[in-house]
Amino acid sequence: MSTGQLVTVYLGGWVFFSIFVCLGVFLHIACTKMKMLVELFPNSIGVKTMAPLKNGGVWGKLILVGGISGYLAFPRPYLKNGQLCSKDLEAIPKPLRHKLAFVHWVLVIHLIAMFALYFLGKFGKLY
């Protein structure tokens, strides 16, 4: 393996590990603050439809927290189509809102980095 290939493999491993760390943060939030998160959205239809997932085991909780963090990271389209209520969005404590949105953005960036490293390794000339 060349040096470029080794760097790509190590970066891919780091990105993969970081994605699991972010999922661990989501699971920690799901296990400690799930009831509070669902109660913070009494008027939001999108969260009400996903609320039964809190009884769906680990994956259900992960999907629910991921959906709520998606609402917090990208609120504009959900406010436009009525899935998210602006009053509910303003009622969320700022530290929790920033933490969920930050972890969601980190996951999105790591997913893009994973695809970029894949295509760099596949089609790049790393001799």
C-alpha atoms as a PDB file:
ATOM      1  CA  MET A   1       0.000   0.000   0.000  1.00  0.00           C
ATOM      2  CA  SER A   2       1.163   3.475  -0.764  1.00  0.00           C
ATOM      3  CA  THR A   3       1.224   6.332   1.719  1.00  0.00           C
ATOM      4  CA  GLY A   4      -1.855   7.917   0.153  1.00  0.00           C
ATOM      5  CA  GLN A   5      -3.810   4.713   0.493  1.00  0.00           C
ATOM      6  CA  LEU A   6      -2.761   4.316   4.130  1.00  0.00           C
ATOM      7  CA  VAL A   7      -3.828   7.881   4.919  1.00  0.00           C
ATOM      8  CA  THR A   8      -7.194   7.256   3.265  1.00  0.00           C
ATOM      9  CA  VAL A   9      -7.703   4.037   5.238  1.00  0.00           C
ATOM     10  CA  TYR A  10      -6.768   5.680   8.543  1.00  0.00           C
ATOM     11  CA  LEU A  11      -9.023   8.668   7.871  1.00  0.00           C
ATOM     12  CA  GLY A  12     -11.854   6.300   6.968  1.00  0.00           C
ATOM     13  CA  GLY A  13     -11.353   4.418  10.229  1.00  0.00           C
ATOM     14  CA  TRP A  14     -11.356   7.668  12.187  1.00  0.00           C
ATOM     15  CA  VAL A  15     -14.573   8.807  10.481  1.00  0.00           C
ATOM     16  CA  PHE A  16     -16.189   5.421  11.113  1.00  0.00           C
ATOM     17  CA  PHE A  17     -15.217   5.553  14.802  1.00  0.00           C
ATOM     18  CA  SER A  18     -16.507   9.134  15.084  1.00  0.00           C
ATOM     19  CA  ILE A  19     -19.870   8.117  13.654  1.00  0.00           C
ATOM     20  CA  PHE A  20     -20.205   5.490  16.388  1.00  0.00           C
ATOM     21  CA  VAL A  21     -19.301   8.084  19.022  1.00  0.00           C
ATOM     22  CA  CYS A  22     -22.090  10.337  17.723  1.00  0.00           C
ATOM     23  CA  LEU A  23     -24.528   7.436  17.792  1.00  0.00           C
ATOM     24  CA  GLY A  24     -23.448   6.789  21.377  1.00  0.00           C
ATOM     25  CA  VAL A  25     -24.216  10.410  22.261  1.00  0.00           C
ATOM     26  CA  PHE A  26     -27.663  10.032  20.675  1.00  0.00           C
ATOM     27  CA  LEU A  27     -28.292   6.831  22.642  1.00  0.00           C
ATOM     28  CA  HIS A  28     -27.220   8.524  25.869  1.00  0.00           C
ATOM     29  CA  ILE A  29     -29.651  11.376  25.205  1.00  0.00           C
ATOM     30  CA  ALA A  30     -32.350   8.845  24.297  1.00  0.00           C
ATOM     31  CA  CYS A  31     -31.898   6.911  27.525  1.00  0.00           C
ATOM     32  CA  THR A  32     -31.685   9.941  29.820  1.00  0.00           C
ATOM     33  CA  LYS A  33     -33.942  12.596  28.263  1.00  0.00           C
ATOM     34  CA  MET A  34     -36.445  10.767  26.052  1.00  0.00           C
ATOM     35  CA  LYS A  35     -39.553  11.596  28.065  1.00  0.00           C
ATOM     36  CA  MET A  36     -38.591  15.269  28.321  1.00  0.00           C
ATOM     37  CA  LEU A  37     -37.831  15.468  24.578  1.00  0.00           C
ATOM     38  CA  VAL A  38     -41.211  14.097  23.573  1.00  0.00           C
ATOM     39  CA  GLU A  39     -43.018  16.356  26.071  1.00  0.00           C
ATOM     40  CA  LEU A  40     -41.283  19.455  24.665  1.00  0.00           C
ATOM     41  CA  PHE A  41     -43.214  19.054  21.386  1.00  0.00           C
ATOM     42  CA  PRO A  42     -46.922  19.007  22.375  1.00  0.00           C
ATOM     43  CA  ASN A  43     -48.106  20.801  19.206  1.00  0.00           C
ATOM     44  CA  SER A  44     -45.742  19.332  16.606  1.00  0.00           C
ATOM     45  CA  ILE A  45     -47.343  16.726  14.369  1.00  0.00           C
ATOM     46  CA  GLY A  46     -44.010  15.306  13.197  1.00  0.00           C
ATOM     47  CA  VAL A  47     -42.892  14.400  16.703  1.00  0.00           C
ATOM     48  CA  LYS A  48     -46.336  13.065  17.624  1.00  0.00           C
ATOM     49  CA  THR A  49     -46.219  10.623  14.715  1.00  0.00           C
ATOM     50  CA  MET A  50     -42.734   9.452  15.716  1.00  0.00           C
ATOM     51  CA  ALA A  51     -43.506   9.289  19.483  1.00  0.00           C
ATOM     52  CA  PRO A  52     -44.525   5.587  19.476  1.00  0.00           C
ATOM     53  CA  LEU A  53     -40.926   4.771  18.490  1.00  0.00           C
ATOM     54  CA  LYS A  54     -39.838   5.456  22.071  1.00  0.00           C
ATOM     55  CA  ASN A  55     -41.259   2.020  22.917  1.00  0.00           C
ATOM     56  CA  GLY A  56     -39.489   0.398  19.966  1.00  0.00           C
ATOM     57  CA  GLY A  57     -36.300  -0.590  21.737  1.00  0.00           C
ATOM     58  CA  VAL A  58     -32.858   0.822  21.123  1.00  0.00           C
ATOM     59  CA  TRP A  59     -33.332   1.392  17.393  1.00  0.00           C
ATOM     60  CA  GLY A  60     -36.685   3.086  17.918  1.00  0.00           C
ATOM     61  CA  LYS A  61     -35.174   5.476  20.442  1.00  0.00           C
ATOM     62  CA  LEU A  62     -32.254   6.159  18.128  1.00  0.00           C
ATOM     63  CA  ILE A  63     -34.594   6.936  15.220  1.00  0.00           C
ATOM     64  CA  LEU A  64     -36.740   9.195  17.415  1.00  0.00           C
ATOM     65  CA  VAL A  65     -33.794  11.202  18.743  1.00  0.00           C
ATOM     66  CA  GLY A  66     -32.336  11.401  15.230  1.00  0.00           C
ATOM     67  CA  GLY A  67     -35.641  12.701  13.895  1.00  0.00           C
ATOM     68  CA  ILE A  68     -35.932  15.308  16.627  1.00  0.00           C
ATOM     69  CA  SER A  69     -32.346  16.419  16.051  1.00  0.00           C
ATOM     70  CA  GLY A  70     -33.153  16.696  12.346  1.00  0.00           C
ATOM     71  CA  TYR A  71     -36.052  18.974  13.219  1.00  0.00           C
ATOM     72  CA  LEU A  72     -33.700  21.108  15.311  1.00  0.00           C
ATOM     73  CA  ALA A  73     -30.837  21.157  12.789  1.00  0.00           C
ATOM     74  CA  PHE A  74     -33.044  21.965   9.768  1.00  0.00           C
ATOM     75  CA  PRO A  75     -36.228  23.566  11.169  1.00  0.00           C
ATOM     76  CA  ARG A  76     -37.220  25.733   8.187  1.00  0.00           C
ATOM     77  CA  PRO A  77     -38.767  23.066   5.907  1.00  0.00           C
ATOM     78  CA  TYR A  78     -40.604  21.441   8.818  1.00  0.00           C
ATOM     79  CA  LEU A  79     -42.026  24.791   9.931  1.00  0.00           C
ATOM     80  CA  LYS A  80     -43.220  25.473   6.376  1.00  0.00           C
ATOM     81  CA  ASN A  81     -45.103  22.194   5.937  1.00  0.00           C
ATOM     82  CA  GLY A  82     -46.559  22.196   9.455  1.00  0.00           C
ATOM     83  CA  GLN A  83     -44.732  19.248  11.017  1.00  0.00           C
ATOM     84  CA  LEU A  84     -43.040  21.495  13.562  1.00  0.00           C
ATOM     85  CA  CYS A  85     -44.659  24.227  15.668  1.00  0.00           C
ATOM     86  CA  SER A  86     -42.647  27.419  16.187  1.00  0.00           C
ATOM     87  CA  LYS A  87     -43.844  27.673  19.811  1.00  0.00           C
ATOM     88  CA  ASP A  88     -42.468  24.212  20.521  1.00  0.00           C
ATOM     89  CA  LEU A  89     -39.174  25.104  18.862  1.00  0.00           C
ATOM     90  CA  GLU A  90     -38.777  28.198  21.039  1.00  0.00           C
ATOM     91  CA  ALA A  91     -39.612  26.261  24.229  1.00  0.00           C
ATOM     92  CA  ILE A  92     -36.656  23.886  23.920  1.00  0.00           C
ATOM     93  CA  PRO A  93     -33.762  24.740  26.254  1.00  0.00           C
ATOM     94  CA  LYS A  94     -30.918  26.262  24.254  1.00  0.00           C
ATOM     95  CA  PRO A  95     -28.148  23.930  25.499  1.00  0.00           C
ATOM     96  CA  LEU A  96     -30.162  20.846  24.553  1.00  0.00           C
ATOM     97  CA  ARG A  97     -31.155  22.327  21.195  1.00  0.00           C
ATOM     98  CA  HIS A  98     -27.564  23.232  20.368  1.00  0.00           C
ATOM     99  CA  LYS A  99     -26.239  19.842  21.466  1.00  0.00           C
ATOM    100  CA  LEU A 100     -28.743  17.909  19.339  1.00  0.00           C
ATOM    101  CA  ALA A 101     -28.266  20.144  16.298  1.00  0.00           C
ATOM    102  CA  PHE A 102     -24.472  19.999  16.652  1.00  0.00           C
ATOM    103  CA  VAL A 103     -24.369  16.207  16.840  1.00  0.00           C
ATOM    104  CA  HIS A 104     -26.715  15.985  13.846  1.00  0.00           C
ATOM    105  CA  TRP A 105     -24.466  18.282  11.813  1.00  0.00           C
ATOM    106  CA  VAL A 106     -21.394  16.291  12.860  1.00  0.00           C
ATOM    107  CA  LEU A 107     -23.085  13.095  11.651  1.00  0.00           C
ATOM    108  CA  VAL A 108     -23.981  14.698   8.314  1.00  0.00           C
ATOM    109  CA  ILE A 109     -20.407  15.949   7.825  1.00  0.00           C
ATOM    110  CA  HIS A 110     -18.953  12.553   8.739  1.00  0.00           C
ATOM    111  CA  LEU A 111     -21.295  10.806   6.321  1.00  0.00           C
ATOM    112  CA  ILE A 112     -20.169  13.133   3.517  1.00  0.00           C
ATOM    113  CA  ALA A 113     -16.539  12.535   4.517  1.00  0.00           C
ATOM    114  CA  MET A 114     -17.103   8.766   4.417  1.00  0.00           C
ATOM    115  CA  PHE A 115     -18.435   8.950   0.856  1.00  0.00           C
ATOM    116  CA  ALA A 116     -15.646  11.334  -0.193  1.00  0.00           C
ATOM    117  CA  LEU A 117     -12.984   8.987   1.182  1.00  0.00           C
ATOM    118  CA  TYR A 118     -14.624   6.038  -0.539  1.00  0.00           C
ATOM    119  CA  PHE A 119     -14.638   7.757  -3.915  1.00  0.00           C
ATOM    120  CA  LEU A 120     -11.109   9.036  -3.372  1.00  0.00           C
ATOM    121  CA  GLY A 121      -9.927   5.525  -2.653  1.00  0.00           C
ATOM    122  CA  LYS A 122     -11.923   4.006  -5.495  1.00  0.00           C
ATOM    123  CA  PHE A 123     -11.280   6.490  -8.290  1.00  0.00           C
ATOM    124  CA  GLY A 124      -8.319   8.545  -7.052  1.00  0.00           C
ATOM    125  CA  LYS A 125      -4.858   7.719  -8.222  1.00  0.00           C
ATOM    126  CA  LEU A 126      -3.203   7.020  -4.882  1.00  0.00           C
ATOM    127  CA  TYR A 127      -0.023   5.239  -5.908  1.00  0.00           C
END
